[in-house]
Amino acid sequence: MTSIAKAIPAAVVAFACAIGAVYAESARVETEDGASLSVASPSASALGLHVGDLIAGWRVVAIAGAPDSELRIDVARDDMRFAVTVVPMGARPENPPMQTRTHAIYYGHALPAEARIPDGAVRAILADIVRRLDAES
């Protein structure tokens, strides 16, 4: 078998994986005229958040996921970092410190581990996330 014939199955698998990844991040919606199209699921960019943005004086340093499953937003200031997590209501058994009609918002994972996250920062950042979620819906 030639090297091209050996490479074709690997290329097909890679292409299928790429298509699967795109499909997993999309949803089907029906337009007014009955046509069906694929749209991206909500993400941090839909909330208007990007790495480098400031929220209440804290810099967004990492973003992963989407609010329709689990969105993690890491913020940092000085030598401290912590995460804000947005999940659909009911996805976790514990009561969230803040919520919208459709989402629960949690925080934690402070670094360094012994650091205490300032209460004012938590309230301001979570309130900003709530505002963004409410504006999206």
Protein backbone atom coordinates (compact mmCIF):
# COMPACT_ATOMS: atom_id res chain seq x y z
CA MET A 1 0.00 0.00 0.00
CA THR A 2 1.32 3.46 -0.85
CA SER A 3 1.96 6.09 1.81
CA ILE A 4 -0.95 8.18 0.47
CA ALA A 5 -3.34 5.26 0.86
CA LYS A 6 -2.13 4.79 4.46
CA ALA A 7 -2.55 8.51 5.23
CA ILE A 8 -6.14 8.76 3.94
CA PRO A 9 -7.76 6.88 6.88
CA ALA A 10 -5.90 9.07 9.40
CA ALA A 11 -7.00 12.21 7.55
CA VAL A 12 -10.61 11.01 7.51
CA VAL A 13 -10.52 10.37 11.27
CA ALA A 14 -9.00 13.80 11.92
CA PHE A 15 -11.63 15.46 9.74
CA ALA A 16 -14.45 13.58 11.50
CA CYS A 17 -13.08 14.65 14.90
CA ALA A 18 -12.96 18.27 13.77
CA ILE A 19 -16.54 18.10 12.51
CA GLY A 20 -17.63 16.47 15.78
CA ALA A 21 -15.98 19.22 17.84
CA VAL A 22 -17.73 21.92 15.83
CA TYR A 23 -21.06 20.11 16.02
CA ALA A 24 -20.74 19.60 19.79
CA GLU A 25 -20.39 23.38 20.25
CA SER A 26 -23.45 24.21 18.18
CA ALA A 27 -27.20 23.91 18.37
CA ARG A 28 -29.89 23.61 15.69
CA VAL A 29 -32.48 26.36 15.48
CA GLU A 30 -35.37 26.84 13.10
CA THR A 31 -35.80 30.17 11.36
CA GLU A 32 -39.14 31.87 10.61
CA ASP A 33 -39.17 30.43 7.09
CA GLY A 34 -38.75 26.89 8.46
CA ALA A 35 -35.09 26.54 7.52
CA SER A 36 -32.77 24.92 10.04
CA LEU A 37 -29.35 26.31 10.82
CA SER A 38 -26.56 25.73 13.28
CA VAL A 39 -25.60 28.39 15.82
CA ALA A 40 -22.82 28.45 18.37
CA SER A 41 -23.74 27.74 21.97
CA PRO A 42 -23.38 30.60 24.44
CA SER A 43 -19.89 31.16 25.75
CA ALA A 44 -17.97 33.72 27.74
CA SER A 45 -17.64 35.86 24.61
CA ALA A 46 -21.45 35.90 24.44
CA LEU A 47 -21.33 37.45 27.91
CA GLY A 48 -18.90 40.03 26.56
CA LEU A 49 -15.98 38.56 28.50
CA HIS A 50 -12.51 37.98 27.15
CA VAL A 51 -9.15 37.18 28.69
CA GLY A 52 -7.59 40.49 29.70
CA ASP A 53 -10.88 42.22 30.61
CA LEU A 54 -11.31 43.81 34.03
CA ILE A 55 -14.22 43.01 36.35
CA ALA A 56 -14.34 45.11 39.53
CA GLY A 57 -10.59 45.68 39.30
CA TRP A 58 -9.77 41.99 38.79
CA ARG A 59 -8.29 40.83 35.46
CA VAL A 60 -9.85 37.88 33.62
CA VAL A 61 -6.91 35.50 33.16
CA ALA A 62 -8.65 32.35 31.89
CA ILE A 63 -12.04 31.34 30.50
CA ALA A 64 -13.24 27.81 29.77
CA GLY A 65 -16.59 26.24 28.93
CA ALA A 66 -20.03 27.76 28.35
CA PRO A 67 -22.86 28.83 30.67
CA ASP A 68 -25.21 26.19 29.23
CA SER A 69 -22.97 23.48 30.71
CA GLU A 70 -20.25 24.94 32.94
CA LEU A 71 -18.36 28.17 32.46
CA ARG A 72 -15.26 28.86 34.55
CA ILE A 73 -13.84 32.38 34.66
CA ASP A 74 -10.53 32.83 36.48
CA VAL A 75 -9.75 36.31 37.77
CA ALA A 76 -6.54 37.63 39.33
CA ARG A 77 -5.20 40.71 41.08
CA ASP A 78 -1.81 41.21 42.71
CA ASP A 79 -0.67 37.72 43.80
CA MET A 80 -4.15 36.22 44.16
CA ARG A 81 -6.37 34.27 41.79
CA PHE A 82 -9.81 32.65 42.11
CA ALA A 83 -12.49 31.13 39.90
CA VAL A 84 -16.10 32.04 39.25
CA THR A 85 -18.20 29.18 37.91
CA VAL A 86 -21.53 29.59 36.08
CA VAL A 87 -23.78 26.54 35.70
CA PRO A 88 -27.44 25.98 34.82
CA MET A 89 -29.75 26.14 37.86
CA GLY A 90 -30.01 22.75 39.55
CA ALA A 91 -26.72 21.44 38.18
CA ARG A 92 -25.17 21.39 41.67
CA PRO A 93 -26.79 20.40 44.96
CA GLU A 94 -25.37 23.26 47.08
CA ASN A 95 -27.03 26.68 47.23
CA PRO A 96 -25.24 29.21 45.04
CA PRO A 97 -24.04 32.47 46.55
CA MET A 98 -25.73 34.26 43.62
CA GLN A 99 -28.13 33.22 40.88
CA THR A 100 -30.25 34.36 37.98
CA ARG A 101 -33.52 32.84 36.86
CA THR A 102 -31.58 30.26 34.82
CA HIS A 103 -28.02 30.10 36.20
CA ALA A 104 -26.23 29.49 39.50
CA ILE A 105 -22.95 31.31 40.15
CA TYR A 106 -20.27 29.98 42.49
CA TYR A 107 -16.76 31.06 43.41
CA GLY A 108 -13.70 29.47 44.97
CA HIS A 109 -10.42 27.76 44.09
CA ALA A 110 -8.36 30.60 45.54
CA LEU A 111 -4.64 30.64 44.90
CA PRO A 112 -2.59 30.72 47.00
CA ALA A 113 -4.70 28.17 48.88
CA GLU A 114 -4.50 30.05 52.19
CA ALA A 115 -5.71 33.31 50.61
CA ARG A 116 -9.05 34.76 51.66
CA ILE A 117 -11.08 36.15 48.75
CA PRO A 118 -12.23 39.69 49.66
CA ASP A 119 -16.02 39.83 50.22
CA GLY A 120 -16.37 43.09 48.29
CA ALA A 121 -14.60 41.61 45.27
CA VAL A 122 -16.84 38.54 45.32
CA ARG A 123 -20.03 40.62 45.50
CA ALA A 124 -18.92 42.98 42.72
CA ILE A 125 -17.70 40.26 40.36
CA LEU A 126 -20.72 37.99 40.87
CA ALA A 127 -23.09 40.95 40.41
CA ASP A 128 -21.32 41.79 37.13
CA ILE A 129 -21.73 38.19 35.92
CA VAL A 130 -25.45 38.26 36.89
CA ARG A 131 -25.90 41.49 34.93
CA ARG A 132 -24.23 39.94 31.89
CA LEU A 133 -26.34 36.76 32.12
CA ASP A 134 -29.56 38.77 32.48
CA ALA A 135 -28.60 40.89 29.45
CA GLU A 136 -28.00 37.71 27.42
CA SER A 137 -31.43 36.22 28.11
